[in-house]
Amino acid sequence: MRLKKQITDLNTIRGAMIFEFFSPGIPIVLKNAGCQFIIFDMEHGGLSLEQFKTLAIISNANNISPLIRIPEVSYNYVARALDLGAAGIMAPMVNNQEEALKIVRSSKYPPMGVRGAGFGFSHDNYKNEDPLNYIDKANNSLINIIQIESKVALQNVEKIAAIDGVDCLWVGHFDLTNFLGIPGQFSSDIYLKAIKRVVAAAKLNKKSLGIMVNNRDELNMYSNLGFNMIAVGTEMSILSRSISKILQ
């Protein structure tokens, strides 16, 4: 609930994306580094749902919110990841409002959605509490992050941002440049115009804005553009750079 309120209030939020290092100590390391959330990646990394369950339990026990990027827009991935303890879902390659609405409805219990009921599991810390209380709490606290990373998604971004239950628009920056025909050209006017369109859609609908950055300069740049939810990554690149600086 704490992270959801920060997202709803458009507060500054900092975290990390993890693609490779799914060890039990990672949530605690990142908590000690000052992260408020972790996005564990299933789209490009080799993360399994069983691994995520362990990481989610450790994260929740150490007051750092575990989010998960699922590999595709699918009810099965959304509902299972939430049952395993995810504080929220990041959905990749969402191209239109129908796909965004599918994610939202998959994450919510009736009457707000179609999530199947299962209680007393890791998602509510194995507590035997009133299921009706849990349903209400879950429907109001779980987070839906929708990635805008294609030309089609950009064309539909205003409609996606207007959906109740979409909490954050997250720019998949490299994919977005790919689909715009300017791969990796982050200073291109085409890219910057696209970013401004996403920012405007988020502001109009009072939604958070998210992106992954690789260094402090990028963090400052996107913060100045209006992004409030920023994750550092990839951890492989950051580790490699840090070791290289020591050795050279």
Foldseek 3Di string as FASTA:
>chain_A
DVVLVCQLVQAFFEAAEEAEDLDLCVLVVRVVVPHQEYEYEPQRHVDDLVSLLSNLLSNVVVRRAYEYEHNALDLVVLLSSLLSAHLEYEHPPDQAQVSLQSSQQSQAPPPRHPRDDDDLGVNVPSDPDDSVVVRVVSNSGRAYEYEQQAPRNLVHLLVNLQDPRHAEYEYPQQSNCVRVVRGPCCVDPVSVVSLLSNQVSCVVSSHAYEYEDADDVVVVVVVVSPHRYYHYDDPVVVVVVVVVVVVD
